[in-house]
PDB file of N, CA and C in Angstrom:
ATOM      1  N   MET A   1       0.822  -1.354  -0.026  1.00  0.00           N
ATOM      2  CA  MET A   1      -0.002   0.046   0.190  1.00  0.00           C
ATOM      3  C   MET A   1       0.902   1.213   0.015  1.00  0.00           C
ATOM      4  N   ALA A   2       0.381   2.151  -0.782  1.00  0.00           N
ATOM      5  CA  ALA A   2       1.198   3.598  -0.778  1.00  0.00           C
ATOM      6  C   ALA A   2       1.019   4.191   0.346  1.00  0.00           C
ATOM      7  N   ASN A   3       2.058   5.017   0.759  1.00  0.00           N
ATOM      8  CA  ASN A   3       2.035   5.915   1.798  1.00  0.00           C
ATOM      9  C   ASN A   3       1.817   7.130   1.331  1.00  0.00           C
ATOM     10  N   SER A   4       1.594   8.025   2.804  1.00  0.00           N
ATOM     11  CA  SER A   4       1.225   9.465   2.119  1.00  0.00           C
ATOM     12  C   SER A   4       2.088  10.240   1.285  1.00  0.00           C
ATOM     13  N   ALA A   5       3.519   9.960   1.447  1.00  0.00           N
ATOM     14  CA  ALA A   5       4.504  10.835   0.610  1.00  0.00           C
ATOM     15  C   ALA A   5       4.257  10.243  -0.902  1.00  0.00           C
ATOM     16  N   GLN A   6       3.942   8.988  -1.298  1.00  0.00           N
ATOM     17  CA  GLN A   6       3.860   8.510  -2.455  1.00  0.00           C
ATOM     18  C   GLN A   6       2.559   8.873  -3.325  1.00  0.00           C
ATOM     19  N   VAL A   7       1.643   9.049  -2.329  1.00  0.00           N
ATOM     20  CA  VAL A   7       0.487   9.564  -2.920  1.00  0.00           C
ATOM     21  C   VAL A   7       0.463  10.969  -3.293  1.00  0.00           C
ATOM     22  N   SER A   8       1.086  11.774  -2.381  1.00  0.00           N
ATOM     23  CA  SER A   8       1.432  13.182  -2.535  1.00  0.00           C
ATOM     24  C   SER A   8       2.269  13.423  -3.857  1.00  0.00           C
ATOM     25  N   VAL A   9       3.582  12.499  -4.346  1.00  0.00           N
ATOM     26  CA  VAL A   9       4.041  12.661  -5.211  1.00  0.00           C
ATOM     27  C   VAL A   9       3.285  12.222  -6.725  1.00  0.00           C
ATOM     28  N   ALA A  10       2.483  11.169  -6.386  1.00  0.00           N
ATOM     29  CA  ALA A  10       1.641  11.030  -7.498  1.00  0.00           C
ATOM     30  C   ALA A  10       0.663  11.918  -7.852  1.00  0.00           C
ATOM     31  N   ALA A  11      -0.069  12.658  -6.913  1.00  0.00           N
ATOM     32  CA  ALA A  11      -0.783  13.613  -7.141  1.00  0.00           C
ATOM     33  C   ALA A  11      -0.398  14.685  -7.876  1.00  0.00           C
ATOM     34  N   ASP A  12       0.765  15.001  -7.401  1.00  0.00           N
ATOM     35  CA  ASP A  12       1.422  16.179  -8.021  1.00  0.00           C
ATOM     36  C   ASP A  12       1.844  15.637  -9.556  1.00  0.00           C
ATOM     37  N   LEU A  13       2.334  14.729  -9.754  1.00  0.00           N
ATOM     38  CA  LEU A  13       2.614  14.235 -11.221  1.00  0.00           C
ATOM     39  C   LEU A  13       1.420  14.281 -12.310  1.00  0.00           C
ATOM     40  N   LEU A  14       0.344  13.946 -11.697  1.00  0.00           N
ATOM     41  CA  LEU A  14      -1.112  13.820 -12.390  1.00  0.00           C
ATOM     42  C   LEU A  14      -1.305  15.201 -12.596  1.00  0.00           C
ATOM     43  N   ASP A  15      -1.373  16.254 -11.574  1.00  0.00           N
ATOM     44  CA  ASP A  15      -1.564  17.582 -11.927  1.00  0.00           C
ATOM     45  C   ASP A  15      -0.487  18.075 -12.765  1.00  0.00           C
ATOM     46  N   THR A  16       0.477  17.843 -12.761  1.00  0.00           N
ATOM     47  CA  THR A  16       1.411  18.593 -13.444  1.00  0.00           C
ATOM     48  C   THR A  16       1.132  18.131 -15.017  1.00  0.00           C
ATOM     49  N   GLY A  17       0.969  16.569 -15.308  1.00  0.00           N
ATOM     50  CA  GLY A  17       0.558  16.000 -16.545  1.00  0.00           C
ATOM     51  C   GLY A  17      -0.642  16.839 -16.915  1.00  0.00           C
ATOM     52  N   LEU A  18      -1.752  16.932 -16.334  1.00  0.00           N
ATOM     53  CA  LEU A  18      -3.136  17.379 -16.659  1.00  0.00           C
ATOM     54  C   LEU A  18      -2.731  18.951 -16.987  1.00  0.00           C
ATOM     55  N   THR A  19      -2.145  19.655 -16.164  1.00  0.00           N
ATOM     56  CA  THR A  19      -1.792  21.142 -16.630  1.00  0.00           C
ATOM     57  C   THR A  19      -1.265  21.064 -18.103  1.00  0.00           C
ATOM     58  N   THR A  20      -0.167  20.161 -18.127  1.00  0.00           N
ATOM     59  CA  THR A  20       0.507  20.374 -19.495  1.00  0.00           C
ATOM     60  C   THR A  20      -0.332  19.966 -20.700  1.00  0.00           C
ATOM     61  N   LEU A  21      -1.288  19.035 -20.404  1.00  0.00           N
ATOM     62  CA  LEU A  21      -2.217  18.658 -21.497  1.00  0.00           C
ATOM     63  C   LEU A  21      -3.223  19.732 -21.920  1.00  0.00           C
ATOM     64  N   SER A  22      -3.727  20.210 -20.854  1.00  0.00           N
ATOM     65  CA  SER A  22      -4.555  21.509 -20.960  1.00  0.00           C
ATOM     66  C   SER A  22      -3.681  22.455 -21.828  1.00  0.00           C
ATOM     67  N   ALA A  23      -2.436  22.940 -21.485  1.00  0.00           N
ATOM     68  CA  ALA A  23      -1.775  24.028 -22.275  1.00  0.00           C
ATOM     69  C   ALA A  23      -1.636  23.548 -23.757  1.00  0.00           C
ATOM     70  N   LEU A  24      -1.531  22.236 -23.973  1.00  0.00           N
ATOM     71  CA  LEU A  24      -1.282  21.746 -25.354  1.00  0.00           C
ATOM     72  C   LEU A  24      -2.648  21.371 -26.015  1.00  0.00           C
ATOM     73  N   LEU A  25      -3.668  21.172 -25.249  1.00  0.00           N
ATOM     74  CA  LEU A  25      -4.685  20.700 -26.064  1.00  0.00           C
ATOM     75  C   LEU A  25      -5.204  21.291 -27.457  1.00  0.00           C
ATOM     76  N   PRO A  26      -4.989  22.957 -27.429  1.00  0.00           N
ATOM     77  CA  PRO A  26      -5.633  23.415 -28.508  1.00  0.00           C
ATOM     78  C   PRO A  26      -4.738  23.154 -29.909  1.00  0.00           C
ATOM     79  N   LEU A  27      -3.393  22.628 -29.555  1.00  0.00           N
ATOM     80  CA  LEU A  27      -2.488  22.223 -30.840  1.00  0.00           C
ATOM     81  C   LEU A  27      -3.343  21.113 -31.319  1.00  0.00           C
ATOM     82  N   PHE A  28      -4.096  20.246 -30.655  1.00  0.00           N
ATOM     83  CA  PHE A  28      -4.679  19.196 -31.131  1.00  0.00           C
ATOM     84  C   PHE A  28      -5.604  19.224 -31.971  1.00  0.00           C
ATOM     85  N   ASP A  29      -6.093  20.624 -32.123  1.00  0.00           N
ATOM     86  CA  ASP A  29      -7.499  20.944 -32.856  1.00  0.00           C
ATOM     87  C   ASP A  29      -7.202  21.235 -34.043  1.00  0.00           C
ATOM     88  N   SER A  30      -7.818  20.549 -35.214  1.00  0.00           N
ATOM     89  CA  SER A  30      -7.609  20.976 -36.420  1.00  0.00           C
ATOM     90  C   SER A  30      -8.626  21.918 -37.061  1.00  0.00           C
ATOM     91  N   GLY A  31      -9.383  22.309 -36.135  1.00  0.00           N
ATOM     92  CA  GLY A  31     -10.678  23.064 -36.775  1.00  0.00           C
ATOM     93  C   GLY A  31     -11.753  22.331 -37.403  1.00  0.00           C
ATOM     94  N   GLY A  32     -11.565  20.763 -37.881  1.00  0.00           N
ATOM     95  CA  GLY A  32     -12.478  20.034 -38.153  1.00  0.00           C
ATOM     96  C   GLY A  32     -12.261  18.630 -37.803  1.00  0.00           C
ATOM     97  N   GLY A  33     -11.595  18.534 -36.749  1.00  0.00           N
ATOM     98  CA  GLY A  33     -11.284  17.462 -36.347  1.00  0.00           C
ATOM     99  C   GLY A  33     -10.187  17.405 -35.554  1.00  0.00           C
ATOM    100  N   SER A  34      -9.581  16.171 -34.914  1.00  0.00           N
ATOM    101  CA  SER A  34      -8.378  16.387 -34.159  1.00  0.00           C
ATOM    102  C   SER A  34      -7.125  15.607 -34.722  1.00  0.00           C
ATOM    103  N   PHE A  35      -5.949  16.191 -34.337  1.00  0.00           N
ATOM    104  CA  PHE A  35      -4.602  15.498 -34.628  1.00  0.00           C
ATOM    105  C   PHE A  35      -4.327  14.312 -33.930  1.00  0.00           C
ATOM    106  N   TYR A  36      -4.073  13.328 -34.573  1.00  0.00           N
ATOM    107  CA  TYR A  36      -3.393  12.169 -33.838  1.00  0.00           C
ATOM    108  C   TYR A  36      -1.943  12.475 -32.896  1.00  0.00           C
ATOM    109  N   ASP A  37      -1.179  13.258 -33.565  1.00  0.00           N
ATOM    110  CA  ASP A  37      -0.283  13.923 -32.937  1.00  0.00           C
ATOM    111  C   ASP A  37       0.227  15.127 -32.995  1.00  0.00           C
ATOM    112  N   LEU A  38       1.546  15.604 -32.513  1.00  0.00           N
ATOM    113  CA  LEU A  38       1.831  16.932 -32.905  1.00  0.00           C
ATOM    114  C   LEU A  38       3.043  16.933 -33.829  1.00  0.00           C
ATOM    115  N   ARG A  39       2.966  16.153 -34.723  1.00  0.00           N
ATOM    116  CA  ARG A  39       4.412  16.030 -35.849  1.00  0.00           C
ATOM    117  C   ARG A  39       4.328  17.307 -36.670  1.00  0.00           C
ATOM    118  N   HIS A  40       3.321  17.987 -36.699  1.00  0.00           N
ATOM    119  CA  HIS A  40       3.372  19.176 -37.585  1.00  0.00           C
ATOM    120  C   HIS A  40       3.913  20.371 -36.701  1.00  0.00           C
ATOM    121  N   VAL A  41       4.070  20.374 -35.536  1.00  0.00           N
ATOM    122  CA  VAL A  41       4.632  21.375 -34.623  1.00  0.00           C
ATOM    123  C   VAL A  41       5.969  21.074 -34.349  1.00  0.00           C
ATOM    124  N   THR A  42       6.331  19.817 -34.263  1.00  0.00           N
ATOM    125  CA  THR A  42       7.765  19.722 -33.589  1.00  0.00           C
ATOM    126  C   THR A  42       8.824  19.109 -34.881  1.00  0.00           C
ATOM    127  N   GLN A  43       9.756  19.301 -34.205  1.00  0.00           N
ATOM    128  CA  GLN A  43      10.848  19.114 -35.434  1.00  0.00           C
ATOM    129  C   GLN A  43      11.780  17.859 -34.847  1.00  0.00           C
ATOM    130  N   PRO A  44      12.014  16.837 -35.573  1.00  0.00           N
ATOM    131  CA  PRO A  44      12.952  16.003 -35.244  1.00  0.00           C
ATOM    132  C   PRO A  44      14.241  16.256 -35.088  1.00  0.00           C
ATOM    133  N   SER A  45      14.895  15.765 -34.029  1.00  0.00           N
ATOM    134  CA  SER A  45      16.268  15.891 -33.805  1.00  0.00           C
ATOM    135  C   SER A  45      17.251  14.959 -34.198  1.00  0.00           C
ATOM    136  N   GLY A  46      18.355  15.133 -34.481  1.00  0.00           N
ATOM    137  CA  GLY A  46      19.546  14.246 -35.186  1.00  0.00           C
ATOM    138  C   GLY A  46      18.726  13.176 -36.177  1.00  0.00           C
ATOM    139  N   ALA A  47      18.882  11.924 -36.124  1.00  0.00           N
ATOM    140  CA  ALA A  47      18.435  10.833 -37.117  1.00  0.00           C
ATOM    141  C   ALA A  47      16.937  10.703 -36.759  1.00  0.00           C
ATOM    142  N   GLN A  48      16.486  11.272 -36.033  1.00  0.00           N
ATOM    143  CA  GLN A  48      14.924  10.705 -35.669  1.00  0.00           C
ATOM    144  C   GLN A  48      13.926  10.930 -36.715  1.00  0.00           C
ATOM    145  N   SER A  49      13.275  10.264 -37.113  1.00  0.00           N
ATOM    146  CA  SER A  49      12.312  10.569 -38.189  1.00  0.00           C
ATOM    147  C   SER A  49      10.890  10.250 -37.495  1.00  0.00           C
ATOM    148  N   VAL A  50      10.200  11.186 -37.918  1.00  0.00           N
ATOM    149  CA  VAL A  50       8.625  11.476 -37.222  1.00  0.00           C
ATOM    150  C   VAL A  50       7.802  11.269 -38.440  1.00  0.00           C
ATOM    151  N   MET A  51       7.814  10.631 -39.616  1.00  0.00           N
ATOM    152  CA  MET A  51       6.973  10.811 -40.996  1.00  0.00           C
ATOM    153  C   MET A  51       5.601   9.905 -40.600  1.00  0.00           C
ATOM    154  N   SER A  52       4.590  10.644 -41.418  1.00  0.00           N
ATOM    155  CA  SER A  52       3.165   9.915 -41.510  1.00  0.00           C
ATOM    156  C   SER A  52       3.170   9.047 -42.583  1.00  0.00           C
ATOM    157  N   HIS A  53       2.866   7.983 -42.830  1.00  0.00           N
ATOM    158  CA  HIS A  53       2.597   7.089 -43.999  1.00  0.00           C
ATOM    159  C   HIS A  53       3.713   7.146 -44.825  1.00  0.00           C
ATOM    160  N   ALA A  54       3.521   7.184 -46.317  1.00  0.00           N
ATOM    161  CA  ALA A  54       4.594   7.273 -47.292  1.00  0.00           C
ATOM    162  C   ALA A  54       4.779   8.680 -47.322  1.00  0.00           C
ATOM    163  N   THR A  55       6.115   9.274 -47.332  1.00  0.00           N
ATOM    164  CA  THR A  55       6.479  10.600 -47.503  1.00  0.00           C
ATOM    165  C   THR A  55       7.720  10.266 -48.278  1.00  0.00           C
ATOM    166  N   ARG A  56       8.127  11.544 -49.007  1.00  0.00           N
ATOM    167  CA  ARG A  56       9.473  12.134 -49.554  1.00  0.00           C
ATOM    168  C   ARG A  56       9.951  13.234 -48.798  1.00  0.00           C
ATOM    169  N   THR A  57      11.177  12.880 -48.368  1.00  0.00           N
ATOM    170  CA  THR A  57      11.697  14.018 -47.296  1.00  0.00           C
ATOM    171  C   THR A  57      13.068  14.225 -48.164  1.00  0.00           C
ATOM    172  N   THR A  58      13.578  15.670 -47.986  1.00  0.00           N
ATOM    173  CA  THR A  58      14.631  16.103 -48.251  1.00  0.00           C
ATOM    174  C   THR A  58      15.448  17.121 -46.950  1.00  0.00           C
ATOM    175  N   VAL A  59      16.688  16.978 -46.970  1.00  0.00           N
ATOM    176  CA  VAL A  59      17.403  17.782 -45.960  1.00  0.00           C
ATOM    177  C   VAL A  59      18.069  18.692 -46.303  1.00  0.00           C
ATOM    178  N   SER A  60      17.943  20.159 -45.992  1.00  0.00           N
ATOM    179  CA  SER A  60      18.686  20.993 -46.316  1.00  0.00           C
ATOM    180  C   SER A  60      19.106  21.808 -45.108  1.00  0.00           C
ATOM    181  N   GLY A  61      20.581  21.718 -44.706  1.00  0.00           N
ATOM    182  CA  GLY A  61      20.864  22.229 -43.605  1.00  0.00           C
ATOM    183  C   GLY A  61      20.564  21.383 -42.384  1.00  0.00           C
ATOM    184  N   ASN A  62      19.861  22.004 -41.137  1.00  0.00           N
ATOM    185  CA  ASN A  62      19.330  21.237 -40.152  1.00  0.00           C
ATOM    186  C   ASN A  62      17.638  21.142 -40.324  1.00  0.00           C
ATOM    187  N   THR A  63      17.351  21.402 -41.523  1.00  0.00           N
ATOM    188  CA  THR A  63      15.654  21.307 -41.330  1.00  0.00           C
ATOM    189  C   THR A  63      15.617  19.820 -42.169  1.00  0.00           C
ATOM    190  N   LEU A  64      14.455  19.452 -41.854  1.00  0.00           N
ATOM    191  CA  LEU A  64      13.774  18.202 -42.674  1.00  0.00           C
ATOM    192  C   LEU A  64      12.480  18.672 -43.135  1.00  0.00           C
ATOM    193  N   HIS A  65      12.329  18.695 -44.413  1.00  0.00           N
ATOM    194  CA  HIS A  65      10.951  18.993 -45.303  1.00  0.00           C
ATOM    195  C   HIS A  65      10.473  17.698 -45.673  1.00  0.00           C
ATOM    196  N   SER A  66       9.164  17.490 -45.315  1.00  0.00           N
ATOM    197  CA  SER A  66       8.341  16.433 -45.901  1.00  0.00           C
ATOM    198  C   SER A  66       7.183  16.903 -46.605  1.00  0.00           C
ATOM    199  N   ASP A  67       6.571  16.030 -47.321  1.00  0.00           N
ATOM    200  CA  ASP A  67       5.606  16.248 -48.308  1.00  0.00           C
ATOM    201  C   ASP A  67       4.457  15.725 -47.868  1.00  0.00           C
ATOM    202  N   VAL A  68       4.409  15.448 -46.748  1.00  0.00           N
ATOM    203  CA  VAL A  68       3.135  14.867 -45.771  1.00  0.00           C
ATOM    204  C   VAL A  68       2.747  15.971 -44.687  1.00  0.00           C
ATOM    205  N   GLY A  69       1.612  16.390 -44.759  1.00  0.00           N
ATOM    206  CA  GLY A  69       0.957  17.394 -43.671  1.00  0.00           C
ATOM    207  C   GLY A  69       0.811  16.837 -42.321  1.00  0.00           C
ATOM    208  N   PRO A  70       0.030  17.495 -41.578  1.00  0.00           N
ATOM    209  CA  PRO A  70      -0.250  16.848 -40.148  1.00  0.00           C
ATOM    210  C   PRO A  70      -0.987  15.813 -40.196  1.00  0.00           C
ATOM    211  N   ASN A  71      -0.554  14.895 -38.802  1.00  0.00           N
ATOM    212  CA  ASN A  71      -1.287  13.388 -38.983  1.00  0.00           C
ATOM    213  C   ASN A  71      -2.452  13.738 -38.448  1.00  0.00           C
ATOM    214  N   ARG A  72      -3.855  13.642 -39.073  1.00  0.00           N
ATOM    215  CA  ARG A  72      -5.249  13.822 -38.445  1.00  0.00           C
ATOM    216  C   ARG A  72      -5.533  12.662 -38.079  1.00  0.00           C
ATOM    217  N   ALA A  73      -6.446  12.364 -37.115  1.00  0.00           N
ATOM    218  CA  ALA A  73      -6.886  11.446 -36.667  1.00  0.00           C
ATOM    219  C   ALA A  73      -8.224  11.232 -37.162  1.00  0.00           C
ATOM    220  N   ARG A  74      -8.294   9.466 -37.669  1.00  0.00           N
ATOM    221  CA  ARG A  74      -9.243   8.888 -38.167  1.00  0.00           C
ATOM    222  C   ARG A  74     -10.510   9.137 -37.131  1.00  0.00           C
ATOM    223  N   TRP A  75     -11.709   9.086 -37.876  1.00  0.00           N
ATOM    224  CA  TRP A  75     -12.849   9.615 -37.108  1.00  0.00           C
ATOM    225  C   TRP A  75     -13.117   8.692 -35.971  1.00  0.00           C
ATOM    226  N   ASP A  76     -12.793   7.386 -36.009  1.00  0.00           N
ATOM    227  CA  ASP A  76     -13.021   6.240 -34.875  1.00  0.00           C
ATOM    228  C   ASP A  76     -11.874   6.896 -33.915  1.00  0.00           C
ATOM    229  N   TYR A  77     -10.666   7.276 -34.177  1.00  0.00           N
ATOM    230  CA  TYR A  77      -9.805   7.668 -33.161  1.00  0.00           C
ATOM    231  C   TYR A  77     -10.152   9.010 -32.506  1.00  0.00           C
ATOM    232  N   HIS A  78     -10.578  10.089 -33.505  1.00  0.00           N
ATOM    233  CA  HIS A  78     -11.287  11.238 -33.090  1.00  0.00           C
ATOM    234  C   HIS A  78     -12.038  10.657 -31.952  1.00  0.00           C
ATOM    235  N   ALA A  79     -13.060  10.119 -32.197  1.00  0.00           N
ATOM    236  CA  ALA A  79     -14.220   9.572 -31.134  1.00  0.00           C
ATOM    237  C   ALA A  79     -13.321   9.338 -29.877  1.00  0.00           C
ATOM    238  N   VAL A  80     -12.311   8.518 -29.899  1.00  0.00           N
ATOM    239  CA  VAL A  80     -11.464   8.058 -28.741  1.00  0.00           C
ATOM    240  C   VAL A  80     -10.992   9.235 -27.935  1.00  0.00           C
ATOM    241  N   HIS A  81     -10.734  10.317 -28.483  1.00  0.00           N
ATOM    242  CA  HIS A  81     -10.234  11.584 -28.075  1.00  0.00           C
ATOM    243  C   HIS A  81     -11.208  12.240 -27.492  1.00  0.00           C
ATOM    244  N   ILE A  82     -12.599  12.183 -27.984  1.00  0.00           N
ATOM    245  CA  ILE A  82     -13.815  12.630 -27.359  1.00  0.00           C
ATOM    246  C   ILE A  82     -13.998  11.993 -25.845  1.00  0.00           C
ATOM    247  N   ARG A  83     -14.114  10.813 -26.064  1.00  0.00           N
ATOM    248  CA  ARG A  83     -14.466   9.996 -24.805  1.00  0.00           C
ATOM    249  C   ARG A  83     -13.412  10.268 -24.015  1.00  0.00           C
ATOM    250  N   GLN A  84     -12.112  10.330 -24.246  1.00  0.00           N
ATOM    251  CA  GLN A  84     -11.115  10.568 -23.189  1.00  0.00           C
ATOM    252  C   GLN A  84     -11.166  11.858 -22.607  1.00  0.00           C
ATOM    253  N   LEU A  85     -11.669  13.050 -23.200  1.00  0.00           N
ATOM    254  CA  LEU A  85     -12.111  14.221 -22.927  1.00  0.00           C
ATOM    255  C   LEU A  85     -13.090  14.319 -21.855  1.00  0.00           C
ATOM    256  N   ARG A  86     -14.225  13.546 -22.286  1.00  0.00           N
ATOM    257  CA  ARG A  86     -15.083  13.751 -21.319  1.00  0.00           C
ATOM    258  C   ARG A  86     -15.041  12.860 -20.043  1.00  0.00           C
ATOM    259  N   ILE A  87     -14.297  11.997 -20.116  1.00  0.00           N
ATOM    260  CA  ILE A  87     -13.867  11.297 -18.782  1.00  0.00           C
ATOM    261  C   ILE A  87     -13.139  12.219 -17.999  1.00  0.00           C
ATOM    262  N   LEU A  88     -11.842  12.730 -18.364  1.00  0.00           N
ATOM    263  CA  LEU A  88     -11.220  13.603 -17.989  1.00  0.00           C
ATOM    264  C   LEU A  88     -11.975  14.726 -17.187  1.00  0.00           C
ATOM    265  N   SER A  89     -13.188  15.343 -17.901  1.00  0.00           N
ATOM    266  CA  SER A  89     -14.136  16.435 -17.178  1.00  0.00           C
ATOM    267  C   SER A  89     -14.512  15.855 -15.978  1.00  0.00           C
ATOM    268  N   THR A  90     -14.993  14.633 -15.765  1.00  0.00           N
ATOM    269  CA  THR A  90     -15.639  13.947 -14.604  1.00  0.00           C
ATOM    270  C   THR A  90     -14.547  13.792 -13.544  1.00  0.00           C
ATOM    271  N   ILE A  91     -13.355  13.547 -13.767  1.00  0.00           N
ATOM    272  CA  ILE A  91     -12.481  13.076 -12.941  1.00  0.00           C
ATOM    273  C   ILE A  91     -11.113  13.933 -12.494  1.00  0.00           C
ATOM    274  N   ASP A  92     -11.231  15.306 -13.046  1.00  0.00           N
ATOM    275  CA  ASP A  92     -10.248  16.339 -12.754  1.00  0.00           C
ATOM    276  C   ASP A  92     -11.089  17.290 -11.828  1.00  0.00           C
ATOM    277  N   SER A  93     -10.159  17.271 -10.743  1.00  0.00           N
ATOM    278  CA  SER A  93     -10.567  18.088  -9.586  1.00  0.00           C
ATOM    279  C   SER A  93     -10.425  19.673  -9.779  1.00  0.00           C
ATOM    280  N   TYR A  94      -9.643  20.112 -10.955  1.00  0.00           N
ATOM    281  CA  TYR A  94      -9.493  21.528 -11.084  1.00  0.00           C
ATOM    282  C   TYR A  94     -10.619  21.915 -12.138  1.00  0.00           C
ATOM    283  N   SER A  95     -11.553  22.765 -11.565  1.00  0.00           N
ATOM    284  CA  SER A  95     -12.712  23.005 -12.412  1.00  0.00           C
ATOM    285  C   SER A  95     -12.392  23.626 -13.707  1.00  0.00           C
ATOM    286  N   GLU A  96     -11.598  24.635 -13.795  1.00  0.00           N
ATOM    287  CA  GLU A  96     -11.263  25.166 -14.988  1.00  0.00           C
ATOM    288  C   GLU A  96     -10.750  24.338 -16.127  1.00  0.00           C
ATOM    289  N   ARG A  97      -9.763  23.498 -15.694  1.00  0.00           N
ATOM    290  CA  ARG A  97      -9.459  22.294 -16.829  1.00  0.00           C
ATOM    291  C   ARG A  97     -10.725  21.424 -17.055  1.00  0.00           C
ATOM    292  N   ALA A  98     -11.397  21.091 -16.003  1.00  0.00           N
ATOM    293  CA  ALA A  98     -12.611  20.444 -16.595  1.00  0.00           C
ATOM    294  C   ALA A  98     -13.476  20.710 -17.230  1.00  0.00           C
ATOM    295  N   LYS A  99     -13.749  22.254 -17.219  1.00  0.00           N
ATOM    296  CA  LYS A  99     -14.482  22.966 -18.270  1.00  0.00           C
ATOM    297  C   LYS A  99     -13.847  22.766 -19.514  1.00  0.00           C
ATOM    298  N   GLN A 100     -12.635  23.216 -19.543  1.00  0.00           N
ATOM    299  CA  GLN A 100     -11.873  22.996 -20.912  1.00  0.00           C
ATOM    300  C   GLN A 100     -12.133  21.853 -21.539  1.00  0.00           C
ATOM    301  N   TRP A 101     -12.078  20.581 -20.823  1.00  0.00           N
ATOM    302  CA  TRP A 101     -12.193  19.253 -21.357  1.00  0.00           C
ATOM    303  C   TRP A 101     -13.531  19.186 -22.008  1.00  0.00           C
ATOM    304  N   LEU A 102     -14.488  19.572 -21.341  1.00  0.00           N
ATOM    305  CA  LEU A 102     -15.979  19.519 -21.632  1.00  0.00           C
ATOM    306  C   LEU A 102     -16.196  20.133 -23.016  1.00  0.00           C
ATOM    307  N   ILE A 103     -15.994  21.459 -23.030  1.00  0.00           N
ATOM    308  CA  ILE A 103     -15.947  22.421 -24.040  1.00  0.00           C
ATOM    309  C   ILE A 103     -15.274  22.020 -25.323  1.00  0.00           C
ATOM    310  N   THR A 104     -14.087  21.241 -25.202  1.00  0.00           N
ATOM    311  CA  THR A 104     -13.274  20.648 -26.307  1.00  0.00           C
ATOM    312  C   THR A 104     -14.057  19.362 -26.811  1.00  0.00           C
ATOM    313  N   ALA A 105     -14.517  18.988 -25.888  1.00  0.00           N
ATOM    314  CA  ALA A 105     -15.231  17.383 -26.235  1.00  0.00           C
ATOM    315  C   ALA A 105     -16.494  17.872 -27.078  1.00  0.00           C
ATOM    316  N   ASN A 106     -17.290  18.579 -26.655  1.00  0.00           N
ATOM    317  CA  ASN A 106     -18.439  19.161 -27.297  1.00  0.00           C
ATOM    318  C   ASN A 106     -18.175  19.796 -28.605  1.00  0.00           C
ATOM    319  N   ARG A 107     -17.183  20.832 -28.946  1.00  0.00           N
ATOM    320  CA  ARG A 107     -16.808  21.091 -30.060  1.00  0.00           C
ATOM    321  C   ARG A 107     -16.243  20.005 -30.902  1.00  0.00           C
ATOM    322  N   TRP A 108     -15.257  19.083 -30.530  1.00  0.00           N
ATOM    323  CA  TRP A 108     -15.023  17.869 -31.368  1.00  0.00           C
ATOM    324  C   TRP A 108     -16.314  16.942 -31.715  1.00  0.00           C
ATOM    325  N   THR A 109     -16.920  16.945 -30.883  1.00  0.00           N
ATOM    326  CA  THR A 109     -18.367  16.252 -31.542  1.00  0.00           C
ATOM    327  C   THR A 109     -18.835  16.708 -32.490  1.00  0.00           C
ATOM    328  N   SER A 110     -19.133  18.211 -32.610  1.00  0.00           N
ATOM    329  CA  SER A 110     -19.736  18.995 -33.610  1.00  0.00           C
ATOM    330  C   SER A 110     -18.850  18.881 -34.989  1.00  0.00           C
ATOM    331  N   TYR A 111     -17.687  18.525 -34.638  1.00  0.00           N
ATOM    332  CA  TYR A 111     -16.822  18.289 -36.181  1.00  0.00           C
ATOM    333  C   TYR A 111     -17.366  17.017 -36.816  1.00  0.00           C
ATOM    334  N   MET A 112     -17.825  16.235 -36.099  1.00  0.00           N
ATOM    335  CA  MET A 112     -18.085  14.647 -36.493  1.00  0.00           C
ATOM    336  C   MET A 112     -19.606  14.944 -37.247  1.00  0.00           C
ATOM    337  N   ALA A 113     -20.289  16.058 -36.756  1.00  0.00           N
ATOM    338  CA  ALA A 113     -21.641  16.267 -37.708  1.00  0.00           C
ATOM    339  C   ALA A 113     -21.364  17.409 -38.710  1.00  0.00           C
ATOM    340  N   GLY A 114     -20.371  17.826 -38.856  1.00  0.00           N
ATOM    341  CA  GLY A 114     -20.097  18.512 -40.180  1.00  0.00           C
ATOM    342  C   GLY A 114     -19.707  19.965 -39.779  1.00  0.00           C
ATOM    343  N   PHE A 115     -19.712  20.550 -38.576  1.00  0.00           N
ATOM    344  CA  PHE A 115     -19.097  21.961 -38.240  1.00  0.00           C
ATOM    345  C   PHE A 115     -17.729  21.770 -38.452  1.00  0.00           C
ATOM    346  N   ARG A 116     -17.244  23.127 -38.871  1.00  0.00           N
ATOM    347  CA  ARG A 116     -16.077  23.613 -39.007  1.00  0.00           C
ATOM    348  C   ARG A 116     -15.711  25.095 -38.423  1.00  0.00           C
ATOM    349  N   SER A 117     -14.519  25.041 -37.738  1.00  0.00           N
ATOM    350  CA  SER A 117     -14.297  26.286 -37.243  1.00  0.00           C
ATOM    351  C   SER A 117     -14.145  27.325 -38.255  1.00  0.00           C
ATOM    352  N   PRO A 118     -14.309  28.336 -37.833  1.00  0.00           N
ATOM    353  CA  PRO A 118     -14.213  29.702 -38.899  1.00  0.00           C
ATOM    354  C   PRO A 118     -12.765  29.930 -39.265  1.00  0.00           C
ATOM    355  N   HIS A 119     -12.691  30.717 -40.370  1.00  0.00           N
ATOM    356  CA  HIS A 119     -11.505  31.099 -40.714  1.00  0.00           C
ATOM    357  C   HIS A 119     -11.281  32.311 -41.089  1.00  0.00           C
ATOM    358  N   ASN A 120     -10.246  33.010 -41.187  1.00  0.00           N
ATOM    359  CA  ASN A 120     -10.135  34.374 -41.700  1.00  0.00           C
ATOM    360  C   ASN A 120     -10.332  34.899 -42.998  1.00  0.00           C
TER     361      ASN A 120
END
């Protein structure tokens, strides 16, 4: 059985993880679905390759160029994202984050019905 110090560390780690997810969550919103990952906003370092499906890549300097865009989630996986957010909204003890999970889940559900976010 965990002692109180272990429980406190675990609670702190959970809170840090949820705070980080809350900050990064908008990056997963494509305006018409969700992204499977954040390959489109991160750059590989060294020899690491983070390509989606079949790609053609070229390297110039330290920049990797890919012919493939963001890795959008299929609708079935998008639905998993929505379920995860709804569950987080019920178990997160911080009300502002819980509200964000639910608002995002509702918006992402509307994407499945054809809604698209406005553009400039």
